[in-house]
Amino acid sequence: MQEFLLIVVAYLIGSIPTAVWVSKYFFGIDIREYGSGNAGATNTFRVLGKGWGTFVMVVDILKGVLASFLYLLLPYYLTNEWDRTNLMVGLGLAAVAGHIFPIWAGFKGGKGVATVFGMVLAIQPQVALCVVGVFLIVLYLTRFVSLSSILASLALPILILVIYNEPEILYRIFAIVVALLVIVTHQKNIGRLLAGNESKARIFTYRDRRREKRID
């Protein structure tokens, strides 16, 4: 019963529609009516710029971290690592579900990538750092947030199943499901990438200007 209540709380934390609230209170718009129509960090970067995009991404990551650490409220899980990991996965997934289907925003939210990263950061920081490394390298090279998210999510099961060979079955299943889920939810982005019309994030503009000058 206590675990169920924590999962509900985790869902409510994940339901905080960061991008929607930022766009409404600071810009007077609903970000879901602009860009890709998605209420996540990627579309925020695209529509509102790197400052607000970064803010939304950080808050959405913290939602996953906070939800996963709710296990601290139950003393049993402080000394039982296997059960603790499984509960953290459950809490994190509840937060991700909240982000994708937020009760506070008509059940129309984002794709959950940042919140997934937050829960992995809480469960296994070294894996999270490797994933963010992949994300940042791809983002720096391409400026495509969507492509960065896709490749980072594909790195997750490789890290958990192969490199670290984690024994928890639920954790391994989670890694595979996340990779598949990100690919499914980014189908439109993949289509735009293949067609060559995916929007680039407005970051690293100084670097791009220097490259353009060199070409000229």
Protein backbone atom coordinates (compact mmCIF):
# COMPACT_ATOMS: atom_id res chain seq x y z
CA MET A 1 0.00 0.00 0.00
CA GLN A 2 2.80 2.41 0.87
CA GLU A 3 4.59 1.61 -2.38
CA PHE A 4 1.40 2.27 -4.33
CA LEU A 5 0.97 5.67 -2.68
CA LEU A 6 4.57 6.56 -3.55
CA ILE A 7 3.98 5.57 -7.17
CA VAL A 8 0.96 7.89 -7.27
CA VAL A 9 3.08 10.71 -5.82
CA ALA A 10 5.81 9.95 -8.39
CA TYR A 11 3.24 10.20 -11.17
CA LEU A 12 2.05 13.57 -9.86
CA ILE A 13 5.64 14.84 -9.72
CA GLY A 14 6.19 13.71 -13.29
CA SER A 15 2.95 15.40 -14.31
CA ILE A 16 4.36 18.86 -13.64
CA PRO A 17 4.16 20.28 -17.20
CA THR A 18 7.28 22.42 -17.12
CA ALA A 19 7.28 23.48 -20.78
CA VAL A 20 3.54 24.25 -20.77
CA TRP A 21 3.69 26.39 -17.64
CA VAL A 22 6.80 28.26 -18.81
CA SER A 23 5.30 29.02 -22.20
CA LYS A 24 1.97 30.15 -20.72
CA TYR A 25 3.23 32.25 -17.80
CA PHE A 26 6.23 33.88 -19.48
CA PHE A 27 5.19 34.03 -23.14
CA GLY A 28 1.40 33.84 -23.10
CA ILE A 29 1.33 30.85 -25.46
CA ASP A 30 0.81 27.10 -25.24
CA ILE A 31 4.00 25.53 -26.56
CA ARG A 32 1.97 22.55 -27.73
CA GLU A 33 0.56 24.81 -30.47
CA TYR A 34 4.01 25.64 -31.85
CA GLY A 35 6.95 23.81 -33.36
CA SER A 36 6.49 20.07 -33.15
CA GLY A 37 3.51 20.44 -30.81
CA ASN A 38 5.38 18.61 -28.08
CA ALA A 39 5.57 19.80 -24.47
CA GLY A 40 9.17 18.85 -23.82
CA ALA A 41 12.67 20.27 -23.72
CA THR A 42 13.36 19.63 -27.42
CA ASN A 43 10.44 21.76 -28.59
CA THR A 44 11.23 24.37 -25.95
CA PHE A 45 14.74 24.72 -27.36
CA ARG A 46 13.21 25.08 -30.80
CA VAL A 47 10.48 27.60 -29.91
CA LEU A 48 11.71 29.53 -26.86
CA GLY A 49 15.48 29.29 -27.25
CA LYS A 50 18.37 27.69 -25.41
CA GLY A 51 17.84 29.49 -22.10
CA TRP A 52 14.32 28.28 -21.50
CA GLY A 53 15.07 24.98 -23.22
CA THR A 54 17.85 24.34 -20.74
CA PHE A 55 15.61 25.33 -17.82
CA VAL A 56 12.85 22.96 -18.92
CA MET A 57 15.33 20.14 -19.46
CA VAL A 58 16.87 20.56 -16.00
CA VAL A 59 13.49 20.64 -14.25
CA ASP A 60 12.26 17.60 -16.18
CA ILE A 61 15.44 15.74 -15.20
CA LEU A 62 14.90 16.69 -11.56
CA LYS A 63 11.38 15.26 -11.73
CA GLY A 64 12.86 11.85 -12.50
CA VAL A 65 15.48 12.19 -9.76
CA LEU A 66 13.02 13.30 -7.10
CA ALA A 67 10.46 10.64 -7.96
CA SER A 68 13.06 7.85 -7.87
CA PHE A 69 14.35 8.97 -4.48
CA LEU A 70 10.91 8.69 -2.88
CA TYR A 71 12.04 5.23 -1.74
CA LEU A 72 13.87 7.06 1.08
CA LEU A 73 10.50 7.45 2.78
CA LEU A 74 10.35 3.67 3.36
CA PRO A 75 13.10 2.42 5.73
CA TYR A 76 12.95 -1.17 4.40
CA TYR A 77 14.47 -0.15 1.07
CA LEU A 78 17.45 1.59 2.65
CA THR A 79 19.15 -1.76 3.29
CA ASN A 80 17.74 -3.95 0.51
CA GLU A 81 19.52 -3.06 -2.71
CA TRP A 82 17.71 -5.43 -5.09
CA ASP A 83 14.23 -4.37 -3.96
CA ARG A 84 15.34 -0.74 -3.81
CA THR A 85 16.45 -0.75 -7.45
CA ASN A 86 13.18 -2.32 -8.55
CA LEU A 87 11.15 0.23 -6.58
CA MET A 88 13.22 3.10 -7.99
CA VAL A 89 12.55 1.83 -11.50
CA GLY A 90 8.83 1.70 -10.72
CA LEU A 91 8.82 5.19 -9.23
CA GLY A 92 10.83 6.57 -12.12
CA LEU A 93 8.54 5.01 -14.70
CA ALA A 94 5.54 6.51 -12.90
CA ALA A 95 7.18 9.93 -13.22
CA VAL A 96 7.87 9.31 -16.91
CA ALA A 97 4.23 8.31 -17.41
CA GLY A 98 3.24 11.53 -15.68
CA HIS A 99 5.47 13.55 -17.97
CA ILE A 100 4.00 11.94 -21.09
CA PHE A 101 0.41 12.01 -19.78
CA PRO A 102 0.32 14.90 -17.26
CA ILE A 103 -2.85 15.20 -15.22
CA TRP A 104 -2.12 18.92 -14.82
CA ALA A 105 -2.09 19.56 -18.58
CA GLY A 106 -4.88 17.53 -20.13
CA PHE A 107 -2.77 14.35 -20.38
CA LYS A 108 -0.82 15.82 -23.31
CA GLY A 109 2.83 16.18 -22.36
CA GLY A 110 6.33 15.51 -23.62
CA LYS A 111 8.23 12.43 -24.68
CA GLY A 112 9.86 11.76 -21.32
CA VAL A 113 13.51 11.59 -22.36
CA ALA A 114 14.77 14.09 -19.78
CA THR A 115 12.73 12.46 -17.00
CA VAL A 116 14.06 9.02 -17.96
CA PHE A 117 17.56 10.44 -17.71
CA GLY A 118 16.72 11.78 -14.25
CA MET A 119 15.61 8.39 -12.98
CA VAL A 120 18.74 6.71 -14.40
CA LEU A 121 20.83 9.41 -12.74
CA ALA A 122 19.21 8.52 -9.42
CA ILE A 123 19.56 4.75 -9.89
CA GLN A 124 23.00 4.50 -11.49
CA PRO A 125 24.88 7.82 -11.93
CA GLN A 126 27.76 6.34 -13.93
CA VAL A 127 25.38 5.04 -16.60
CA ALA A 128 23.60 8.39 -16.66
CA LEU A 129 26.89 10.23 -17.18
CA CYS A 130 27.78 7.97 -20.11
CA VAL A 131 24.35 8.55 -21.63
CA VAL A 132 24.60 12.32 -21.24
CA GLY A 133 28.06 12.14 -22.77
CA VAL A 134 26.59 10.54 -25.89
CA PHE A 135 23.80 13.13 -25.91
CA LEU A 136 26.17 16.11 -25.65
CA ILE A 137 28.63 14.82 -28.25
CA VAL A 138 25.88 14.23 -30.81
CA LEU A 139 24.25 17.57 -29.94
CA TYR A 140 27.54 19.41 -30.37
CA LEU A 141 28.22 17.76 -33.71
CA THR A 142 24.71 18.06 -35.16
CA ARG A 143 22.62 20.49 -33.06
CA PHE A 144 19.72 18.03 -33.43
CA VAL A 145 18.22 17.50 -29.95
CA SER A 146 16.00 14.73 -31.29
CA LEU A 147 18.91 12.76 -32.80
CA SER A 148 20.90 13.27 -29.60
CA SER A 149 18.00 11.89 -27.55
CA ILE A 150 17.56 8.87 -29.83
CA LEU A 151 21.23 7.86 -29.82
CA ALA A 152 21.54 8.45 -26.08
CA SER A 153 18.52 6.20 -25.46
CA LEU A 154 20.05 3.48 -27.64
CA ALA A 155 23.22 3.72 -25.57
CA LEU A 156 21.23 2.99 -22.40
CA PRO A 157 20.52 -0.74 -22.95
CA ILE A 158 24.05 -1.25 -24.26
CA LEU A 159 25.44 0.17 -21.03
CA ILE A 160 23.07 -1.68 -18.69
CA LEU A 161 22.94 -5.05 -20.46
CA VAL A 162 26.43 -5.32 -21.91
CA ILE A 163 28.97 -3.00 -20.34
CA TYR A 164 27.73 -3.03 -16.73
CA ASN A 165 25.76 -6.30 -17.06
CA GLU A 166 23.27 -5.34 -14.37
CA PRO A 167 21.51 -8.38 -12.82
CA GLU A 168 18.11 -6.81 -11.98
CA ILE A 169 15.63 -8.13 -14.55
CA LEU A 170 13.25 -5.18 -14.22
CA TYR A 171 16.12 -2.76 -14.76
CA ARG A 172 17.25 -4.62 -17.89
CA ILE A 173 13.70 -4.71 -19.28
CA PHE A 174 13.36 -1.01 -18.50
CA ALA A 175 16.47 -0.17 -20.54
CA ILE A 176 15.18 -2.03 -23.59
CA VAL A 177 11.68 -0.57 -23.29
CA VAL A 178 13.04 2.97 -22.97
CA ALA A 179 15.09 2.64 -26.14
CA LEU A 180 12.09 1.30 -28.06
CA LEU A 181 9.77 3.93 -26.56
CA VAL A 182 12.06 6.80 -27.54
CA ILE A 183 12.29 5.50 -31.10
CA VAL A 184 8.48 5.17 -31.31
CA THR A 185 7.80 8.62 -29.84
CA HIS A 186 10.38 10.20 -32.16
CA GLN A 187 9.00 8.75 -35.38
CA LYS A 188 8.10 12.21 -36.74
CA ASN A 189 11.56 13.49 -35.83
CA ILE A 190 13.17 10.52 -37.56
CA GLY A 191 11.09 11.26 -40.65
CA ARG A 192 12.20 14.89 -40.62
CA LEU A 193 15.82 13.88 -40.08
CA LEU A 194 15.71 11.53 -43.07
CA ALA A 195 14.00 14.21 -45.15
CA GLY A 196 16.60 16.78 -44.10
CA ASN A 197 14.15 19.28 -42.61
CA GLU A 198 14.49 18.68 -38.86
CA SER A 199 14.99 21.95 -36.98
CA LYS A 200 18.29 22.49 -35.21
CA ALA A 201 18.52 23.82 -31.68
CA ARG A 202 19.66 27.41 -31.34
CA ILE A 203 22.86 26.54 -29.51
CA PHE A 204 26.56 26.66 -30.41
CA THR A 205 25.71 29.57 -32.72
CA TYR A 206 29.12 31.18 -32.10
CA ARG A 207 30.82 28.00 -33.31
CA ASP A 208 28.60 27.89 -36.40
CA ARG A 209 29.35 31.50 -37.29
CA ARG A 210 33.07 30.78 -37.07
CA ARG A 211 32.65 27.80 -39.41
CA GLU A 212 30.68 29.92 -41.88
CA LYS A 213 33.43 32.57 -41.90
CA ARG A 214 36.02 29.89 -42.61
CA ILE A 215 33.96 28.61 -45.54
CA ASP A 216 33.58 32.15 -46.92
